[in-house]
Amino acid sequence: MKNRSKKIGVACLFAITLLLLNTNCTNLGNRASNQKLIKDYYAAYEKKDWNMLRSILADSFSFNSPRDNHIDLAAYKERCWPNADNIKRFDIDKLIVDGDSAFVTYNGWTTDGRLFRNTEYFKFKEGKITENSCFFGPGVSFPNNTGK
C-alpha cells in the first residue's frame, strides 16, 4: 500500500511538472510571436508596406491616441497610415510583452531627421494585433498631426 501511494505521488508530481512546462513553453512561444508582431508593425512603416501591416492587424483592430478614440481599421488607414511616408526608422528602446499585451517605447525618426518619442500599448489575440494605444512623447508631434 505504501509503495503504491508513493508511485501515485511520483506520477502526480510528474504530471504537474509536464503541465507547468507546457504552460511555460506556450507562454514563451506567445511572447516571441507577439514580439515579432510588434517588430513587423514598425518594419511595415519603415518599408511603407500597407499589405505587410494589414496582414498582422485583426479585422477588429482599433487605435487610440490623444487625437484618436478607438478608431477602426478603415479610419486608421486613412488617418494614420499616411505617416509612413514621413517615417525613416524606429529604434525600440523598451519592449515588454506580458501575455497578450505589450508596452513599447521607441524613438522614431522622420525622413527629414526629426525625432519623436512615443510609448505604445498593444493587445493581441490569435496571432494578430487587436489594439494599439499610442501615447505621444516629447519632441515633434507625430509627423502628420495637424491638430484637427
N, C-alpha and C. Protein backbone atom coordinates (compact mmCIF):
# COMPACT_ATOMS: atom_id res chain seq x y z
N MET A 1 0.83 -1.20 0.00
CA MET A 1 0.00 0.00 0.00
C MET A 1 0.86 1.25 0.00
N LYS A 2 1.89 1.25 0.86
CA LYS A 2 2.77 2.39 0.98
C LYS A 2 3.52 2.62 -0.34
N ASN A 3 3.95 1.55 -0.98
CA ASN A 3 4.68 1.63 -2.24
C ASN A 3 3.77 2.18 -3.35
N ARG A 4 2.51 1.76 -3.34
CA ARG A 4 1.55 2.23 -4.34
C ARG A 4 1.28 3.71 -4.18
N SER A 5 1.12 4.19 -2.97
CA SER A 5 0.90 5.62 -2.70
C SER A 5 2.09 6.44 -3.18
N LYS A 6 3.28 5.88 -2.97
CA LYS A 6 4.50 6.58 -3.40
C LYS A 6 4.52 6.70 -4.92
N LYS A 7 4.14 5.64 -5.64
CA LYS A 7 4.11 5.66 -7.11
C LYS A 7 3.07 6.66 -7.62
N ILE A 8 1.92 6.69 -6.97
CA ILE A 8 0.87 7.64 -7.37
C ILE A 8 1.35 9.08 -7.14
N GLY A 9 2.03 9.30 -6.02
CA GLY A 9 2.57 10.64 -5.72
C GLY A 9 3.60 11.07 -6.75
N VAL A 10 4.49 10.16 -7.13
CA VAL A 10 5.51 10.47 -8.14
C VAL A 10 4.83 10.74 -9.48
N ALA A 11 3.84 9.94 -9.84
CA ALA A 11 3.13 10.12 -11.10
C ALA A 11 2.41 11.47 -11.13
N CYS A 12 1.79 11.85 -10.02
CA CYS A 12 1.11 13.15 -9.94
C CYS A 12 2.12 14.30 -10.07
N LEU A 13 3.24 14.17 -9.39
CA LEU A 13 4.27 15.19 -9.46
C LEU A 13 4.79 15.32 -10.90
N PHE A 14 5.00 14.19 -11.56
CA PHE A 14 5.46 14.19 -12.94
C PHE A 14 4.43 14.86 -13.85
N ALA A 15 3.16 14.55 -13.68
CA ALA A 15 2.09 15.15 -14.49
C ALA A 15 2.01 16.66 -14.28
N ILE A 16 2.14 17.10 -13.04
CA ILE A 16 2.10 18.54 -12.74
C ILE A 16 3.30 19.23 -13.38
N THR A 17 4.47 18.62 -13.31
CA THR A 17 5.67 19.19 -13.91
C THR A 17 5.49 19.34 -15.41
N LEU A 18 4.97 18.31 -16.07
CA LEU A 18 4.73 18.39 -17.52
C LEU A 18 3.73 19.49 -17.85
N LEU A 19 2.69 19.61 -17.06
CA LEU A 19 1.69 20.66 -17.28
C LEU A 19 2.32 22.04 -17.15
N LEU A 20 3.13 22.25 -16.12
CA LEU A 20 3.78 23.55 -15.93
C LEU A 20 4.78 23.84 -17.04
N LEU A 21 5.53 22.84 -17.46
CA LEU A 21 6.48 23.04 -18.56
C LEU A 21 5.75 23.40 -19.84
N ASN A 22 4.65 22.74 -20.12
CA ASN A 22 3.87 23.02 -21.32
C ASN A 22 3.32 24.44 -21.28
N THR A 23 2.79 24.85 -20.14
CA THR A 23 2.26 26.20 -19.99
C THR A 23 3.36 27.23 -20.19
N ASN A 24 4.52 26.99 -19.60
CA ASN A 24 5.63 27.92 -19.73
C ASN A 24 6.11 28.01 -21.16
N CYS A 25 6.21 26.89 -21.87
CA CYS A 25 6.63 26.89 -23.26
C CYS A 25 5.63 27.62 -24.14
N THR A 26 4.34 27.43 -23.86
CA THR A 26 3.32 28.14 -24.62
C THR A 26 3.44 29.63 -24.41
N ASN A 27 3.65 30.07 -23.16
CA ASN A 27 3.81 31.49 -22.87
C ASN A 27 5.03 32.06 -23.56
N LEU A 28 6.14 31.30 -23.57
CA LEU A 28 7.34 31.75 -24.25
C LEU A 28 7.10 31.87 -25.75
N GLY A 29 6.36 30.92 -26.32
CA GLY A 29 6.02 30.96 -27.74
C GLY A 29 5.16 32.17 -28.07
N ASN A 30 4.16 32.46 -27.23
CA ASN A 30 3.31 33.63 -27.44
C ASN A 30 4.12 34.91 -27.32
N ARG A 31 5.01 34.96 -26.36
CA ARG A 31 5.84 36.16 -26.16
C ARG A 31 6.68 36.43 -27.40
N ALA A 32 7.34 35.38 -27.91
CA ALA A 32 8.18 35.53 -29.10
C ALA A 32 7.33 35.93 -30.30
N SER A 33 6.17 35.31 -30.43
CA SER A 33 5.27 35.63 -31.54
C SER A 33 4.78 37.08 -31.45
N ASN A 34 4.42 37.53 -30.26
CA ASN A 34 3.95 38.90 -30.08
C ASN A 34 5.08 39.91 -30.28
N GLN A 35 6.29 39.57 -29.87
CA GLN A 35 7.44 40.44 -30.14
C GLN A 35 7.65 40.60 -31.64
N LYS A 36 7.50 39.50 -32.36
CA LYS A 36 7.67 39.56 -33.82
C LYS A 36 6.58 40.42 -34.44
N LEU A 37 5.34 40.31 -33.97
CA LEU A 37 4.26 41.15 -34.49
C LEU A 37 4.59 42.63 -34.32
N ILE A 38 5.11 42.98 -33.15
CA ILE A 38 5.46 44.38 -32.89
C ILE A 38 6.58 44.84 -33.82
N LYS A 39 7.61 44.04 -33.95
CA LYS A 39 8.72 44.41 -34.83
C LYS A 39 8.24 44.53 -36.28
N ASP A 40 7.35 43.63 -36.70
CA ASP A 40 6.80 43.71 -38.05
C ASP A 40 5.92 44.95 -38.23
N TYR A 41 5.22 45.35 -37.17
CA TYR A 41 4.38 46.55 -37.21
C TYR A 41 5.23 47.77 -37.57
N TYR A 42 6.34 47.93 -36.88
CA TYR A 42 7.21 49.09 -37.15
C TYR A 42 7.94 48.93 -38.47
N ALA A 43 8.33 47.71 -38.82
CA ALA A 43 9.01 47.47 -40.10
C ALA A 43 8.11 47.83 -41.27
N ALA A 44 6.81 47.58 -41.13
CA ALA A 44 5.87 47.92 -42.21
C ALA A 44 5.88 49.43 -42.47
N TYR A 45 5.95 50.22 -41.41
CA TYR A 45 6.04 51.67 -41.57
C TYR A 45 7.35 52.06 -42.25
N GLU A 46 8.44 51.45 -41.82
CA GLU A 46 9.75 51.77 -42.41
C GLU A 46 9.78 51.39 -43.89
N LYS A 47 9.14 50.29 -44.26
CA LYS A 47 9.12 49.81 -45.65
C LYS A 47 7.99 50.42 -46.47
N LYS A 48 7.10 51.16 -45.78
CA LYS A 48 5.92 51.74 -46.44
C LYS A 48 5.08 50.65 -47.11
N ASP A 49 4.87 49.55 -46.37
CA ASP A 49 4.21 48.36 -46.90
C ASP A 49 2.89 48.12 -46.17
N TRP A 50 1.80 48.69 -46.71
CA TRP A 50 0.48 48.54 -46.09
C TRP A 50 0.07 47.07 -46.01
N ASN A 51 0.34 46.29 -47.04
CA ASN A 51 -0.06 44.88 -47.03
C ASN A 51 0.61 44.11 -45.90
N MET A 52 1.86 44.43 -45.63
CA MET A 52 2.56 43.80 -44.51
C MET A 52 1.88 44.16 -43.19
N LEU A 53 1.56 45.44 -43.03
CA LEU A 53 0.90 45.87 -41.80
C LEU A 53 -0.49 45.25 -41.70
N ARG A 54 -1.24 45.28 -42.76
CA ARG A 54 -2.61 44.76 -42.75
C ARG A 54 -2.64 43.28 -42.37
N SER A 55 -1.61 42.54 -42.78
CA SER A 55 -1.59 41.09 -42.52
C SER A 55 -1.45 40.76 -41.04
N ILE A 56 -0.98 41.71 -40.22
CA ILE A 56 -0.80 41.43 -38.80
C ILE A 56 -1.85 42.12 -37.92
N LEU A 57 -2.74 42.89 -38.54
CA LEU A 57 -3.79 43.57 -37.79
C LEU A 57 -5.09 42.77 -37.87
N ALA A 58 -5.74 42.60 -36.76
CA ALA A 58 -7.04 41.90 -36.73
C ALA A 58 -8.09 42.74 -37.43
N ASP A 59 -9.10 42.09 -37.95
CA ASP A 59 -10.22 42.82 -38.58
C ASP A 59 -10.87 43.78 -37.59
N SER A 60 -10.83 43.43 -36.32
CA SER A 60 -11.44 44.25 -35.27
C SER A 60 -10.46 45.27 -34.68
N PHE A 61 -9.32 45.47 -35.32
CA PHE A 61 -8.28 46.37 -34.82
C PHE A 61 -8.85 47.75 -34.49
N SER A 62 -8.38 48.31 -33.36
CA SER A 62 -8.73 49.69 -33.03
C SER A 62 -7.47 50.42 -32.57
N PHE A 63 -7.48 51.74 -32.81
CA PHE A 63 -6.33 52.58 -32.50
C PHE A 63 -6.77 53.73 -31.62
N ASN A 64 -5.96 54.01 -30.60
CA ASN A 64 -6.22 55.12 -29.68
C ASN A 64 -4.98 56.00 -29.61
N SER A 65 -5.21 57.28 -29.44
CA SER A 65 -4.12 58.23 -29.20
C SER A 65 -4.75 59.47 -28.59
N PRO A 66 -3.95 60.47 -28.25
CA PRO A 66 -4.55 61.71 -27.76
C PRO A 66 -5.49 62.36 -28.79
N ARG A 67 -5.36 61.96 -30.06
CA ARG A 67 -6.20 62.53 -31.12
C ARG A 67 -7.20 61.54 -31.72
N ASP A 68 -7.13 60.30 -31.30
CA ASP A 68 -7.98 59.25 -31.89
C ASP A 68 -8.61 58.41 -30.79
N ASN A 69 -9.92 58.21 -30.86
CA ASN A 69 -10.64 57.47 -29.84
C ASN A 69 -11.20 56.17 -30.41
N HIS A 70 -10.44 55.10 -30.27
CA HIS A 70 -10.86 53.77 -30.74
C HIS A 70 -11.32 53.80 -32.20
N ILE A 71 -10.47 54.34 -33.08
CA ILE A 71 -10.84 54.33 -34.49
C ILE A 71 -10.63 52.93 -35.05
N ASP A 72 -11.44 52.58 -36.04
CA ASP A 72 -11.36 51.24 -36.62
C ASP A 72 -10.28 51.18 -37.69
N LEU A 73 -10.15 50.03 -38.30
CA LEU A 73 -9.09 49.78 -39.27
C LEU A 73 -9.16 50.72 -40.47
N ALA A 74 -10.36 50.96 -40.98
CA ALA A 74 -10.51 51.85 -42.15
C ALA A 74 -10.07 53.28 -41.80
N ALA A 75 -10.51 53.77 -40.65
CA ALA A 75 -10.12 55.12 -40.22
C ALA A 75 -8.63 55.18 -39.93
N TYR A 76 -8.08 54.12 -39.36
CA TYR A 76 -6.64 54.06 -39.09
C TYR A 76 -5.86 54.18 -40.40
N LYS A 77 -6.28 53.44 -41.41
CA LYS A 77 -5.58 53.50 -42.70
C LYS A 77 -5.64 54.92 -43.27
N GLU A 78 -6.79 55.53 -43.17
CA GLU A 78 -6.98 56.87 -43.72
C GLU A 78 -6.22 57.94 -42.93
N ARG A 79 -6.27 57.87 -41.61
CA ARG A 79 -5.71 58.94 -40.77
C ARG A 79 -4.25 58.73 -40.38
N CYS A 80 -3.87 57.48 -40.14
CA CYS A 80 -2.54 57.22 -39.57
C CYS A 80 -1.53 56.68 -40.58
N TRP A 81 -1.99 55.83 -41.49
CA TRP A 81 -1.06 55.21 -42.42
C TRP A 81 -0.30 56.22 -43.28
N PRO A 82 -0.87 57.36 -43.69
CA PRO A 82 -0.09 58.32 -44.46
C PRO A 82 1.20 58.77 -43.76
N ASN A 83 1.28 58.60 -42.43
CA ASN A 83 2.52 58.92 -41.72
C ASN A 83 3.69 58.07 -42.19
N ALA A 84 3.42 56.92 -42.77
CA ALA A 84 4.51 56.05 -43.24
C ALA A 84 5.42 56.80 -44.21
N ASP A 85 4.86 57.69 -45.01
CA ASP A 85 5.67 58.45 -45.97
C ASP A 85 6.71 59.32 -45.27
N ASN A 86 6.46 59.68 -44.01
CA ASN A 86 7.37 60.55 -43.27
C ASN A 86 8.32 59.80 -42.34
N ILE A 87 8.18 58.47 -42.26
CA ILE A 87 8.97 57.68 -41.31
C ILE A 87 10.22 57.15 -41.98
N LYS A 88 11.35 57.37 -41.33
CA LYS A 88 12.60 56.77 -41.79
C LYS A 88 12.85 55.46 -41.05
N ARG A 89 12.79 55.54 -39.70
CA ARG A 89 13.05 54.32 -38.92
C ARG A 89 12.53 54.48 -37.49
N PHE A 90 12.45 53.33 -36.82
CA PHE A 90 12.12 53.26 -35.40
C PHE A 90 13.27 52.57 -34.68
N ASP A 91 13.66 53.12 -33.55
CA ASP A 91 14.63 52.47 -32.67
C ASP A 91 13.89 52.12 -31.38
N ILE A 92 13.64 50.83 -31.18
CA ILE A 92 12.91 50.38 -29.99
C ILE A 92 13.83 50.48 -28.78
N ASP A 93 13.36 51.22 -27.78
CA ASP A 93 14.11 51.41 -26.54
C ASP A 93 13.74 50.33 -25.53
N LYS A 94 12.45 50.11 -25.32
CA LYS A 94 11.95 49.08 -24.39
C LYS A 94 10.80 48.34 -25.05
N LEU A 95 10.81 47.02 -24.88
CA LEU A 95 9.74 46.18 -25.38
C LEU A 95 9.43 45.16 -24.30
N ILE A 96 8.26 45.29 -23.69
CA ILE A 96 7.86 44.40 -22.60
C ILE A 96 6.57 43.71 -23.00
N VAL A 97 6.65 42.39 -23.18
CA VAL A 97 5.48 41.59 -23.54
C VAL A 97 5.04 40.83 -22.31
N ASP A 98 3.74 40.91 -22.01
CA ASP A 98 3.16 40.18 -20.89
C ASP A 98 1.91 39.49 -21.40
N GLY A 99 2.05 38.24 -21.80
CA GLY A 99 0.91 37.50 -22.33
C GLY A 99 0.40 38.13 -23.61
N ASP A 100 -0.85 38.54 -23.60
CA ASP A 100 -1.48 39.11 -24.79
C ASP A 100 -1.49 40.62 -24.79
N SER A 101 -0.50 41.23 -24.15
CA SER A 101 -0.36 42.68 -24.20
C SER A 101 1.12 43.03 -24.14
N ALA A 102 1.44 44.24 -24.56
CA ALA A 102 2.84 44.68 -24.57
C ALA A 102 2.92 46.19 -24.51
N PHE A 103 4.00 46.67 -23.93
CA PHE A 103 4.35 48.10 -23.96
C PHE A 103 5.63 48.24 -24.76
N VAL A 104 5.68 49.28 -25.59
CA VAL A 104 6.86 49.58 -26.39
C VAL A 104 7.14 51.07 -26.25
N THR A 105 8.38 51.40 -25.97
CA THR A 105 8.84 52.80 -26.02
C THR A 105 9.91 52.86 -27.09
N TYR A 106 9.79 53.85 -27.95
CA TYR A 106 10.72 53.94 -29.07
C TYR A 106 11.05 55.39 -29.40
N ASN A 107 12.14 55.54 -30.14
CA ASN A 107 12.48 56.79 -30.80
C ASN A 107 12.16 56.59 -32.27
N GLY A 108 11.39 57.49 -32.83
CA GLY A 108 11.09 57.45 -34.24
C GLY A 108 11.83 58.57 -34.94
N TRP A 109 12.25 58.30 -36.15
CA TRP A 109 12.98 59.29 -36.93
C TRP A 109 12.22 59.56 -38.22
N THR A 110 12.00 60.83 -38.50
CA THR A 110 11.31 61.21 -39.74
C THR A 110 12.31 61.25 -40.89
N THR A 111 11.78 61.29 -42.09
CA THR A 111 12.65 61.33 -43.27
C THR A 111 13.46 62.62 -43.33
N ASP A 112 13.01 63.67 -42.63
CA ASP A 112 13.79 64.91 -42.60
C ASP A 112 14.63 65.04 -41.33
N GLY A 113 14.82 63.93 -40.61
CA GLY A 113 15.75 63.89 -39.50
C GLY A 113 15.21 64.32 -38.15
N ARG A 114 13.91 64.56 -38.03
CA ARG A 114 13.34 64.93 -36.73
C ARG A 114 13.09 63.68 -35.88
N LEU A 115 13.19 63.86 -34.58
CA LEU A 115 13.00 62.78 -33.62
C LEU A 115 11.65 62.93 -32.93
N PHE A 116 10.95 61.82 -32.75
CA PHE A 116 9.78 61.80 -31.88
C PHE A 116 9.87 60.55 -31.02
N ARG A 117 9.37 60.63 -29.81
CA ARG A 117 9.47 59.51 -28.85
C ARG A 117 8.07 59.22 -28.34
N ASN A 118 7.65 57.99 -28.48
CA ASN A 118 6.33 57.56 -28.05
C ASN A 118 6.40 56.27 -27.25
N THR A 119 5.33 56.02 -26.51
CA THR A 119 5.10 54.72 -25.89
C THR A 119 3.77 54.20 -26.41
N GLU A 120 3.74 52.93 -26.74
CA GLU A 120 2.51 52.33 -27.27
C GLU A 120 2.17 51.07 -26.48
N TYR A 121 0.88 50.86 -26.31
CA TYR A 121 0.37 49.67 -25.62
C TYR A 121 -0.39 48.85 -26.64
N PHE A 122 0.03 47.61 -26.82
CA PHE A 122 -0.58 46.70 -27.79
C PHE A 122 -1.36 45.61 -27.09
N LYS A 123 -2.42 45.14 -27.75
CA LYS A 123 -3.14 43.94 -27.33
C LYS A 123 -3.15 42.98 -28.51
N PHE A 124 -3.11 41.67 -28.19
CA PHE A 124 -3.04 40.63 -29.21
C PHE A 124 -4.12 39.58 -28.98
N LYS A 125 -4.53 38.96 -30.06
CA LYS A 125 -5.44 37.82 -29.95
C LYS A 125 -5.27 36.98 -31.21
N GLU A 126 -5.09 35.69 -31.00
CA GLU A 126 -5.00 34.72 -32.09
C GLU A 126 -3.98 35.13 -33.16
N GLY A 127 -2.81 35.59 -32.71
CA GLY A 127 -1.72 35.89 -33.63
C GLY A 127 -1.85 37.19 -34.41
N LYS A 128 -2.72 38.08 -33.94
CA LYS A 128 -2.91 39.38 -34.61
C LYS A 128 -2.91 40.49 -33.57
N ILE A 129 -2.61 41.70 -34.01
CA ILE A 129 -2.71 42.87 -33.16
C ILE A 129 -4.15 43.35 -33.19
N THR A 130 -4.78 43.43 -32.02
CA THR A 130 -6.18 43.84 -31.96
C THR A 130 -6.34 45.30 -31.54
N GLU A 131 -5.33 45.84 -30.85
CA GLU A 131 -5.44 47.22 -30.39
C GLU A 131 -4.06 47.83 -30.22
N ASN A 132 -3.97 49.12 -30.52
CA ASN A 132 -2.76 49.89 -30.26
C ASN A 132 -3.20 51.23 -29.67
N SER A 133 -2.66 51.54 -28.50
CA SER A 133 -2.88 52.84 -27.88
C SER A 133 -1.53 53.55 -27.86
N CYS A 134 -1.46 54.70 -28.53
CA CYS A 134 -0.22 55.45 -28.65
C CYS A 134 -0.25 56.66 -27.73
N PHE A 135 0.82 56.82 -26.98
CA PHE A 135 0.97 57.96 -26.08
C PHE A 135 2.12 58.81 -26.60
N PHE A 136 1.80 59.98 -27.15
CA PHE A 136 2.82 60.84 -27.74
C PHE A 136 3.76 61.36 -26.67
N GLY A 137 5.04 61.38 -27.01
CA GLY A 137 6.05 61.86 -26.08
C GLY A 137 6.61 63.19 -26.53
N PRO A 138 7.70 63.60 -25.86
CA PRO A 138 8.31 64.89 -26.21
C PRO A 138 8.96 64.85 -27.59
N GLY A 139 9.23 66.00 -28.12
CA GLY A 139 9.81 66.11 -29.44
C GLY A 139 8.75 66.64 -30.38
N VAL A 140 8.95 66.41 -31.64
CA VAL A 140 7.97 66.89 -32.62
C VAL A 140 6.68 66.11 -32.47
N SER A 141 5.58 66.72 -32.87
CA SER A 141 4.33 65.97 -32.85
C SER A 141 4.40 64.92 -33.94
N PHE A 142 3.54 63.94 -33.85
CA PHE A 142 3.57 62.87 -34.84
C PHE A 142 3.50 63.51 -36.22
N PRO A 143 4.29 63.05 -37.17
CA PRO A 143 4.53 63.79 -38.41
C PRO A 143 3.33 64.37 -39.14
N ASN A 144 2.22 63.66 -39.23
CA ASN A 144 1.09 64.18 -40.00
C ASN A 144 0.02 64.85 -39.14
N ASN A 145 0.25 64.93 -37.84
CA ASN A 145 -0.76 65.58 -36.98
C ASN A 145 -0.89 67.05 -37.34
N THR A 146 -2.12 67.43 -37.55
CA THR A 146 -2.37 68.84 -37.88
C THR A 146 -3.14 69.53 -36.78
N GLY A 147 -3.44 68.81 -35.71
CA GLY A 147 -4.16 69.39 -34.59
C GLY A 147 -5.65 69.47 -34.81
N LYS A 148 -6.15 68.76 -35.81
CA LYS A 148 -7.59 68.79 -36.11
C LYS A 148 -8.37 68.05 -35.05
